[in-house]
Amino acid sequence: MDKQHAHQLLDQLDPSQLEAVVRLLEVMTGPEASRIHNAPIDDEPVTEEEERAVAASKEWFKNNRGIPMEEVAAELGLAMEQVRGHKGPG
C-alpha cells in the first residue's frame, strides 16, 4: 500500500470516521508508540494463579455478556470524554 492509496481511502471517509483514523494514527506515531515498541519483552513466567484467573474469566464470558465501557464509566461517574482524554500515569 502506498501513501496515494491511503489518501484516496481517507478522502472517502465521513468526518467521524476520519476523526477515528486520525486518533489511531496519533497513537501509532506518538511518543508512547516508540516506548512500547522498544519496551523489553515480558518474559516473566505465568503463575498458576494467573492461569486460573484467565480460565475463570474465559468461563465467565461463555455465559455472560461483557460490560460496555460506557456503562463502566457511568457507574464511576465519568463521561466518556473524560475516559478518552485520560493520558494515564505520569
PDB file of N, CA and C in Angstrom:
ATOM      1  N   MET A   1       0.862  -1.181   0.000  1.00  0.00           N
ATOM      2  CA  MET A   1       0.000   0.000   0.000  1.00  0.00           C
ATOM      3  C   MET A   1       0.899   1.232   0.000  1.00  0.00           C
ATOM      4  N   ASP A   2       0.544   2.208  -0.799  1.00  0.00           N
ATOM      5  CA  ASP A   2       1.321   3.442  -0.842  1.00  0.00           C
ATOM      6  C   ASP A   2       0.504   4.598  -0.275  1.00  0.00           C
ATOM      7  N   LYS A   3       1.165   5.742  -0.100  1.00  0.00           N
ATOM      8  CA  LYS A   3       0.511   6.900   0.509  1.00  0.00           C
ATOM      9  C   LYS A   3      -0.635   7.421  -0.352  1.00  0.00           C
ATOM     10  N   GLN A   4      -0.493   7.344  -1.662  1.00  0.00           N
ATOM     11  CA  GLN A   4      -1.555   7.825  -2.546  1.00  0.00           C
ATOM     12  C   GLN A   4      -2.833   7.021  -2.317  1.00  0.00           C
ATOM     13  N   HIS A   5      -2.695   5.708  -2.184  1.00  0.00           N
ATOM     14  CA  HIS A   5      -3.865   4.859  -1.925  1.00  0.00           C
ATOM     15  C   HIS A   5      -4.478   5.211  -0.572  1.00  0.00           C
ATOM     16  N   ALA A   6      -3.628   5.436   0.430  1.00  0.00           N
ATOM     17  CA  ALA A   6      -4.113   5.815   1.762  1.00  0.00           C
ATOM     18  C   ALA A   6      -4.878   7.129   1.694  1.00  0.00           C
ATOM     19  N   HIS A   7      -4.361   8.087   0.938  1.00  0.00           N
ATOM     20  CA  HIS A   7      -5.046   9.382   0.785  1.00  0.00           C
ATOM     21  C   HIS A   7      -6.404   9.197   0.108  1.00  0.00           C
ATOM     22  N   GLN A   8      -6.471   8.322  -0.893  1.00  0.00           N
ATOM     23  CA  GLN A   8      -7.743   8.068  -1.570  1.00  0.00           C
ATOM     24  C   GLN A   8      -8.765   7.493  -0.595  1.00  0.00           C
ATOM     25  N   LEU A   9      -8.317   6.577   0.236  1.00  0.00           N
ATOM     26  CA  LEU A   9      -9.221   5.992   1.221  1.00  0.00           C
ATOM     27  C   LEU A   9      -9.669   7.025   2.242  1.00  0.00           C
ATOM     28  N   LEU A  10      -8.753   7.871   2.712  1.00  0.00           N
ATOM     29  CA  LEU A  10      -9.105   8.919   3.667  1.00  0.00           C
ATOM     30  C   LEU A  10     -10.141   9.868   3.091  1.00  0.00           C
ATOM     31  N   ASP A  11     -10.013  10.183   1.817  1.00  0.00           N
ATOM     32  CA  ASP A  11     -10.960  11.092   1.168  1.00  0.00           C
ATOM     33  C   ASP A  11     -12.381  10.536   1.131  1.00  0.00           C
ATOM     34  N   GLN A  12     -12.542   9.218   1.276  1.00  0.00           N
ATOM     35  CA  GLN A  12     -13.859   8.588   1.226  1.00  0.00           C
ATOM     36  C   GLN A  12     -14.558   8.553   2.593  1.00  0.00           C
ATOM     37  N   LEU A  13     -13.856   8.892   3.656  1.00  0.00           N
ATOM     38  CA  LEU A  13     -14.411   8.783   4.999  1.00  0.00           C
ATOM     39  C   LEU A  13     -15.282   9.986   5.354  1.00  0.00           C
ATOM     40  N   ASP A  14     -16.306   9.711   6.169  1.00  0.00           N
ATOM     41  CA  ASP A  14     -17.078  10.829   6.690  1.00  0.00           C
ATOM     42  C   ASP A  14     -16.312  11.422   7.872  1.00  0.00           C
ATOM     43  N   PRO A  15     -16.686  12.610   8.346  1.00  0.00           N
ATOM     44  CA  PRO A  15     -15.911  13.286   9.395  1.00  0.00           C
ATOM     45  C   PRO A  15     -15.673  12.461  10.657  1.00  0.00           C
ATOM     46  N   SER A  16     -16.669  11.726  11.110  1.00  0.00           N
ATOM     47  CA  SER A  16     -16.474  10.948  12.341  1.00  0.00           C
ATOM     48  C   SER A  16     -15.504   9.795  12.108  1.00  0.00           C
ATOM     49  N   GLN A  17     -15.566   9.172  10.929  1.00  0.00           N
ATOM     50  CA  GLN A  17     -14.625   8.102  10.613  1.00  0.00           C
ATOM     51  C   GLN A  17     -13.202   8.660  10.505  1.00  0.00           C
ATOM     52  N   LEU A  18     -13.080   9.817   9.883  1.00  0.00           N
ATOM     53  CA  LEU A  18     -11.779  10.449   9.729  1.00  0.00           C
ATOM     54  C   LEU A  18     -11.176  10.780  11.093  1.00  0.00           C
ATOM     55  N   GLU A  19     -12.017  11.268  12.001  1.00  0.00           N
ATOM     56  CA  GLU A  19     -11.551  11.587  13.350  1.00  0.00           C
ATOM     57  C   GLU A  19     -11.007  10.334  14.039  1.00  0.00           C
ATOM     58  N   ALA A  20     -11.693   9.215  13.882  1.00  0.00           N
ATOM     59  CA  ALA A  20     -11.240   7.965  14.496  1.00  0.00           C
ATOM     60  C   ALA A  20      -9.903   7.517  13.912  1.00  0.00           C
ATOM     61  N   VAL A  21      -9.745   7.650  12.611  1.00  0.00           N
ATOM     62  CA  VAL A  21      -8.488   7.261  11.964  1.00  0.00           C
ATOM     63  C   VAL A  21      -7.357   8.177  12.413  1.00  0.00           C
ATOM     64  N   VAL A  22      -7.632   9.456  12.526  1.00  0.00           N
ATOM     65  CA  VAL A  22      -6.613  10.406  12.989  1.00  0.00           C
ATOM     66  C   VAL A  22      -6.163  10.053  14.401  1.00  0.00           C
ATOM     67  N   ARG A  23      -7.113   9.724  15.276  1.00  0.00           N
ATOM     68  CA  ARG A  23      -6.742   9.326  16.642  1.00  0.00           C
ATOM     69  C   ARG A  23      -5.856   8.086  16.622  1.00  0.00           C
ATOM     70  N   LEU A  24      -6.225   7.109  15.786  1.00  0.00           N
ATOM     71  CA  LEU A  24      -5.425   5.894  15.672  1.00  0.00           C
ATOM     72  C   LEU A  24      -4.012   6.213  15.195  1.00  0.00           C
ATOM     73  N   LEU A  25      -3.908   7.062  14.195  1.00  0.00           N
ATOM     74  CA  LEU A  25      -2.591   7.442  13.684  1.00  0.00           C
ATOM     75  C   LEU A  25      -1.771   8.185  14.743  1.00  0.00           C
ATOM     76  N   GLU A  26      -2.436   9.015  15.532  1.00  0.00           N
ATOM     77  CA  GLU A  26      -1.734   9.727  16.608  1.00  0.00           C
ATOM     78  C   GLU A  26      -1.176   8.742  17.628  1.00  0.00           C
ATOM     79  N   VAL A  27      -1.959   7.734  17.949  1.00  0.00           N
ATOM     80  CA  VAL A  27      -1.493   6.716  18.899  1.00  0.00           C
ATOM     81  C   VAL A  27      -0.331   5.933  18.295  1.00  0.00           C
ATOM     82  N   MET A  28      -0.462   5.574  17.030  1.00  0.00           N
ATOM     83  CA  MET A  28       0.566   4.764  16.377  1.00  0.00           C
ATOM     84  C   MET A  28       1.883   5.511  16.196  1.00  0.00           C
ATOM     85  N   THR A  29       1.818   6.831  16.097  1.00  0.00           N
ATOM     86  CA  THR A  29       3.032   7.606  15.823  1.00  0.00           C
ATOM     87  C   THR A  29       3.502   8.434  17.009  1.00  0.00           C
ATOM     88  N   GLY A  30       2.739   8.430  18.092  1.00  0.00           N
ATOM     89  CA  GLY A  30       3.082   9.243  19.258  1.00  0.00           C
ATOM     90  C   GLY A  30       4.259   8.683  20.045  1.00  0.00           C
ATOM     91  N   PRO A  31       4.697   9.435  21.049  1.00  0.00           N
ATOM     92  CA  PRO A  31       5.862   9.019  21.831  1.00  0.00           C
ATOM     93  C   PRO A  31       5.646   7.696  22.558  1.00  0.00           C
ATOM     94  N   GLU A  32       4.418   7.402  22.960  1.00  0.00           N
ATOM     95  CA  GLU A  32       4.160   6.135  23.640  1.00  0.00           C
ATOM     96  C   GLU A  32       4.400   4.956  22.712  1.00  0.00           C
ATOM     97  N   ALA A  33       4.118   5.127  21.432  1.00  0.00           N
ATOM     98  CA  ALA A  33       4.296   4.028  20.481  1.00  0.00           C
ATOM     99  C   ALA A  33       5.747   3.584  20.430  1.00  0.00           C
ATOM    100  N   SER A  34       6.678   4.533  20.409  1.00  0.00           N
ATOM    101  CA  SER A  34       8.087   4.135  20.363  1.00  0.00           C
ATOM    102  C   SER A  34       8.524   3.499  21.674  1.00  0.00           C
ATOM    103  N   ARG A  35       7.977   3.984  22.799  1.00  0.00           N
ATOM    104  CA  ARG A  35       8.302   3.363  24.093  1.00  0.00           C
ATOM    105  C   ARG A  35       7.792   1.933  24.141  1.00  0.00           C
ATOM    106  N   ILE A  36       6.586   1.725  23.657  1.00  0.00           N
ATOM    107  CA  ILE A  36       6.028   0.371  23.650  1.00  0.00           C
ATOM    108  C   ILE A  36       6.829  -0.523  22.714  1.00  0.00           C
ATOM    109  N   HIS A  37       7.153   0.002  21.547  1.00  0.00           N
ATOM    110  CA  HIS A  37       7.916  -0.777  20.563  1.00  0.00           C
ATOM    111  C   HIS A  37       9.283  -1.179  21.111  1.00  0.00           C
ATOM    112  N   ASN A  38       9.897  -0.297  21.883  1.00  0.00           N
ATOM    113  CA  ASN A  38      11.241  -0.554  22.398  1.00  0.00           C
ATOM    114  C   ASN A  38      11.248  -1.177  23.794  1.00  0.00           C
ATOM    115  N   ALA A  39      10.073  -1.422  24.351  1.00  0.00           N
ATOM    116  CA  ALA A  39      10.000  -1.994  25.698  1.00  0.00           C
ATOM    117  C   ALA A  39      10.497  -3.436  25.685  1.00  0.00           C
ATOM    118  N   PRO A  40      11.112  -3.837  26.779  1.00  0.00           N
ATOM    119  CA  PRO A  40      11.582  -5.225  26.830  1.00  0.00           C
ATOM    120  C   PRO A  40      10.398  -6.196  26.818  1.00  0.00           C
ATOM    121  N   ILE A  41      10.622  -7.372  26.294  1.00  0.00           N
ATOM    122  CA  ILE A  41       9.596  -8.402  26.247  1.00  0.00           C
ATOM    123  C   ILE A  41       9.340  -8.903  27.663  1.00  0.00           C
ATOM    124  N   ASP A  42       8.076  -9.058  27.992  1.00  0.00           N
ATOM    125  CA  ASP A  42       7.711  -9.586  29.307  1.00  0.00           C
ATOM    126  C   ASP A  42       7.916 -11.094  29.263  1.00  0.00           C
ATOM    127  N   ASP A  43       9.023 -11.541  29.814  1.00  0.00           N
ATOM    128  CA  ASP A  43       9.322 -12.967  29.787  1.00  0.00           C
ATOM    129  C   ASP A  43       9.147 -13.616  31.158  1.00  0.00           C
ATOM    130  N   GLU A  44       8.431 -12.903  32.028  1.00  0.00           N
ATOM    131  CA  GLU A  44       8.160 -13.442  33.359  1.00  0.00           C
ATOM    132  C   GLU A  44       7.185 -14.612  33.216  1.00  0.00           C
ATOM    133  N   PRO A  45       7.491 -15.733  33.849  1.00  0.00           N
ATOM    134  CA  PRO A  45       6.590 -16.888  33.709  1.00  0.00           C
ATOM    135  C   PRO A  45       5.205 -16.604  34.282  1.00  0.00           C
ATOM    136  N   VAL A  46       4.211 -17.210  33.657  1.00  0.00           N
ATOM    137  CA  VAL A  46       2.833 -17.075  34.121  1.00  0.00           C
ATOM    138  C   VAL A  46       2.666 -17.997  35.323  1.00  0.00           C
ATOM    139  N   THR A  47       2.089 -17.459  36.387  1.00  0.00           N
ATOM    140  CA  THR A  47       1.892 -18.257  37.598  1.00  0.00           C
ATOM    141  C   THR A  47       0.632 -19.102  37.476  1.00  0.00           C
ATOM    142  N   GLU A  48       0.531 -20.118  38.324  1.00  0.00           N
ATOM    143  CA  GLU A  48      -0.682 -20.945  38.345  1.00  0.00           C
ATOM    144  C   GLU A  48      -1.898 -20.106  38.699  1.00  0.00           C
ATOM    145  N   GLU A  49      -1.717 -19.157  39.602  1.00  0.00           N
ATOM    146  CA  GLU A  49      -2.819 -18.276  39.993  1.00  0.00           C
ATOM    147  C   GLU A  49      -3.312 -17.466  38.788  1.00  0.00           C
ATOM    148  N   GLU A  50      -2.390 -16.955  37.983  1.00  0.00           N
ATOM    149  CA  GLU A  50      -2.775 -16.190  36.789  1.00  0.00           C
ATOM    150  C   GLU A  50      -3.482 -17.084  35.779  1.00  0.00           C
ATOM    151  N   GLU A  51      -2.995 -18.309  35.606  1.00  0.00           N
ATOM    152  CA  GLU A  51      -3.643 -19.239  34.686  1.00  0.00           C
ATOM    153  C   GLU A  51      -5.068 -19.561  35.138  1.00  0.00           C
ATOM    154  N   ARG A  52      -5.263 -19.730  36.455  1.00  0.00           N
ATOM    155  CA  ARG A  52      -6.605 -19.991  36.981  1.00  0.00           C
ATOM    156  C   ARG A  52      -7.510 -18.782  36.753  1.00  0.00           C
ATOM    157  N   ALA A  53      -6.969 -17.588  36.952  1.00  0.00           N
ATOM    158  CA  ALA A  53      -7.767 -16.376  36.765  1.00  0.00           C
ATOM    159  C   ALA A  53      -8.195 -16.226  35.303  1.00  0.00           C
ATOM    160  N   VAL A  54      -7.298 -16.513  34.380  1.00  0.00           N
ATOM    161  CA  VAL A  54      -7.632 -16.429  32.949  1.00  0.00           C
ATOM    162  C   VAL A  54      -8.698 -17.470  32.600  1.00  0.00           C
ATOM    163  N   ALA A  55      -8.538 -18.683  33.097  1.00  0.00           N
ATOM    164  CA  ALA A  55      -9.521 -19.738  32.823  1.00  0.00           C
ATOM    165  C   ALA A  55     -10.883 -19.359  33.384  1.00  0.00           C
ATOM    166  N   ALA A  56     -10.913 -18.807  34.593  1.00  0.00           N
ATOM    167  CA  ALA A  56     -12.181 -18.386  35.200  1.00  0.00           C
ATOM    168  C   ALA A  56     -12.826 -17.276  34.382  1.00  0.00           C
ATOM    169  N   SER A  57     -12.025 -16.356  33.889  1.00  0.00           N
ATOM    170  CA  SER A  57     -12.546 -15.260  33.069  1.00  0.00           C
ATOM    171  C   SER A  57     -13.157 -15.793  31.774  1.00  0.00           C
ATOM    172  N   LYS A  58     -12.442 -16.700  31.114  1.00  0.00           N
ATOM    173  CA  LYS A  58     -12.962 -17.275  29.870  1.00  0.00           C
ATOM    174  C   LYS A  58     -14.269 -18.014  30.120  1.00  0.00           C
ATOM    175  N   GLU A  59     -14.341 -18.752  31.216  1.00  0.00           N
ATOM    176  CA  GLU A  59     -15.564 -19.476  31.558  1.00  0.00           C
ATOM    177  C   GLU A  59     -16.713 -18.501  31.810  1.00  0.00           C
ATOM    178  N   TRP A  60     -16.440 -17.417  32.525  1.00  0.00           N
ATOM    179  CA  TRP A  60     -17.464 -16.422  32.816  1.00  0.00           C
ATOM    180  C   TRP A  60     -18.033 -15.847  31.523  1.00  0.00           C
ATOM    181  N   PHE A  61     -17.146 -15.540  30.563  1.00  0.00           N
ATOM    182  CA  PHE A  61     -17.602 -14.926  29.315  1.00  0.00           C
ATOM    183  C   PHE A  61     -18.377 -15.902  28.432  1.00  0.00           C
ATOM    184  N   LYS A  62     -18.285 -17.202  28.696  1.00  0.00           N
ATOM    185  CA  LYS A  62     -19.096 -18.162  27.942  1.00  0.00           C
ATOM    186  C   LYS A  62     -20.574 -18.004  28.278  1.00  0.00           C
ATOM    187  N   ASN A  63     -20.862 -17.539  29.503  1.00  0.00           N
ATOM    188  CA  ASN A  63     -22.241 -17.462  29.979  1.00  0.00           C
ATOM    189  C   ASN A  63     -22.733 -16.049  30.259  1.00  0.00           C
ATOM    190  N   ASN A  64     -21.892 -15.048  30.063  1.00  0.00           N
ATOM    191  CA  ASN A  64     -22.249 -13.669  30.385  1.00  0.00           C
ATOM    192  C   ASN A  64     -21.770 -12.740  29.284  1.00  0.00           C
ATOM    193  N   ARG A  65     -22.473 -11.640  29.135  1.00  0.00           N
ATOM    194  CA  ARG A  65     -22.020 -10.638  28.166  1.00  0.00           C
ATOM    195  C   ARG A  65     -21.064  -9.677  28.876  1.00  0.00           C
ATOM    196  N   GLY A  66     -20.175  -9.100  28.123  1.00  0.00           N
ATOM    197  CA  GLY A  66     -19.271  -8.108  28.687  1.00  0.00           C
ATOM    198  C   GLY A  66     -20.024  -6.837  29.058  1.00  0.00           C
ATOM    199  N   ILE A  67     -19.374  -5.992  29.824  1.00  0.00           N
ATOM    200  CA  ILE A  67     -19.990  -4.735  30.231  1.00  0.00           C
ATOM    201  C   ILE A  67     -19.413  -3.625  29.348  1.00  0.00           C
ATOM    202  N   PRO A  68     -20.254  -2.922  28.592  1.00  0.00           N
ATOM    203  CA  PRO A  68     -19.746  -1.855  27.729  1.00  0.00           C
ATOM    204  C   PRO A  68     -19.013  -0.781  28.543  1.00  0.00           C
ATOM    205  N   MET A  69     -17.958  -0.252  27.971  1.00  0.00           N
ATOM    206  CA  MET A  69     -17.143   0.755  28.640  1.00  0.00           C
ATOM    207  C   MET A  69     -17.981   1.956  29.076  1.00  0.00           C
ATOM    208  N   GLU A  70     -18.990   2.306  28.286  1.00  0.00           N
ATOM    209  CA  GLU A  70     -19.849   3.430  28.636  1.00  0.00           C
ATOM    210  C   GLU A  70     -20.558   3.189  29.973  1.00  0.00           C
ATOM    211  N   GLU A  71     -20.986   1.941  30.206  1.00  0.00           N
ATOM    212  CA  GLU A  71     -21.645   1.611  31.470  1.00  0.00           C
ATOM    213  C   GLU A  71     -20.677   1.683  32.642  1.00  0.00           C
ATOM    214  N   VAL A  72     -19.469   1.184  32.436  1.00  0.00           N
ATOM    215  CA  VAL A  72     -18.456   1.229  33.492  1.00  0.00           C
ATOM    216  C   VAL A  72     -18.150   2.682  33.851  1.00  0.00           C
ATOM    217  N   ALA A  73     -17.952   3.511  32.824  1.00  0.00           N
ATOM    218  CA  ALA A  73     -17.650   4.923  33.063  1.00  0.00           C
ATOM    219  C   ALA A  73     -18.797   5.595  33.815  1.00  0.00           C
ATOM    220  N   ALA A  74     -20.043   5.327  33.406  1.00  0.00           N
ATOM    221  CA  ALA A  74     -21.203   5.936  34.068  1.00  0.00           C
ATOM    222  C   ALA A  74     -21.280   5.508  35.532  1.00  0.00           C
ATOM    223  N   GLU A  75     -20.999   4.231  35.812  1.00  0.00           N
ATOM    224  CA  GLU A  75     -21.028   3.760  37.199  1.00  0.00           C
ATOM    225  C   GLU A  75     -19.968   4.460  38.047  1.00  0.00           C
ATOM    226  N   LEU A  76     -18.867   4.857  37.418  1.00  0.00           N
ATOM    227  CA  LEU A  76     -17.798   5.567  38.119  1.00  0.00           C
ATOM    228  C   LEU A  76     -18.023   7.076  38.135  1.00  0.00           C
ATOM    229  N   GLY A  77     -19.127   7.526  37.514  1.00  0.00           N
ATOM    230  CA  GLY A  77     -19.434   8.949  37.478  1.00  0.00           C
ATOM    231  C   GLY A  77     -18.594   9.716  36.480  1.00  0.00           C
ATOM    232  N   LEU A  78     -18.120   9.025  35.439  1.00  0.00           N
ATOM    233  CA  LEU A  78     -17.274   9.666  34.434  1.00  0.00           C
ATOM    234  C   LEU A  78     -18.002   9.752  33.100  1.00  0.00           C
ATOM    235  N   ALA A  79     -17.684  10.787  32.346  1.00  0.00           N
ATOM    236  CA  ALA A  79     -18.162  10.897  30.970  1.00  0.00           C
ATOM    237  C   ALA A  79     -17.128  10.225  30.066  1.00  0.00           C
ATOM    238  N   MET A  80     -17.566   9.681  28.945  1.00  0.00           N
ATOM    239  CA  MET A  80     -16.635   9.014  28.034  1.00  0.00           C
ATOM    240  C   MET A  80     -15.555   9.974  27.550  1.00  0.00           C
ATOM    241  N   GLU A  81     -15.864  11.260  27.449  1.00  0.00           N
ATOM    242  CA  GLU A  81     -14.849  12.235  27.042  1.00  0.00           C
ATOM    243  C   GLU A  81     -13.709  12.276  28.056  1.00  0.00           C
ATOM    244  N   GLN A  82     -14.056  12.112  29.332  1.00  0.00           N
ATOM    245  CA  GLN A  82     -13.017  12.086  30.369  1.00  0.00           C
ATOM    246  C   GLN A  82     -12.155  10.833  30.227  1.00  0.00           C
ATOM    247  N   VAL A  83     -12.789   9.716  29.936  1.00  0.00           N
ATOM    248  CA  VAL A  83     -12.059   8.467  29.770  1.00  0.00           C
ATOM    249  C   VAL A  83     -11.157   8.543  28.553  1.00  0.00           C
ATOM    250  N   ARG A  84     -11.701   9.021  27.441  1.00  0.00           N
ATOM    251  CA  ARG A  84     -10.918   9.111  26.207  1.00  0.00           C
ATOM    252  C   ARG A  84      -9.766  10.106  26.334  1.00  0.00           C
ATOM    253  N   GLY A  85      -9.972  11.158  27.117  1.00  0.00           N
ATOM    254  CA  GLY A  85      -8.947  12.188  27.256  1.00  0.00           C
ATOM    255  C   GLY A  85      -7.894  11.889  28.302  1.00  0.00           C
ATOM    256  N   HIS A  86      -8.064  10.786  29.052  1.00  0.00           N
ATOM    257  CA  HIS A  86      -7.118  10.450  30.115  1.00  0.00           C
ATOM    258  C   HIS A  86      -5.786  10.036  29.502  1.00  0.00           C
ATOM    259  N   LYS A  87      -4.716  10.640  29.962  1.00  0.00           N
ATOM    260  CA  LYS A  87      -3.385  10.370  29.415  1.00  0.00           C
ATOM    261  C   LYS A  87      -2.641   9.282  30.180  1.00  0.00           C
ATOM    262  N   GLY A  88      -3.182   8.819  31.271  1.00  0.00           N
ATOM    263  CA  GLY A  88      -2.506   7.770  32.051  1.00  0.00           C
ATOM    264  C   GLY A  88      -1.554   8.349  33.049  1.00  0.00           C
ATOM    265  N   PRO A  89      -0.872   7.480  33.796  1.00  0.00           N
ATOM    266  CA  PRO A  89       0.050   7.957  34.830  1.00  0.00           C
ATOM    267  C   PRO A  89       1.239   8.682  34.230  1.00  0.00           C
ATOM    268  N   GLY A  90       1.749   9.599  35.005  1.00  0.00           N
ATOM    269  CA  GLY A  90       2.993  10.232  34.575  1.00  0.00           C
ATOM    270  C   GLY A  90       2.793  11.616  34.157  1.00  0.00           C
TER     271      GLY A  90
END
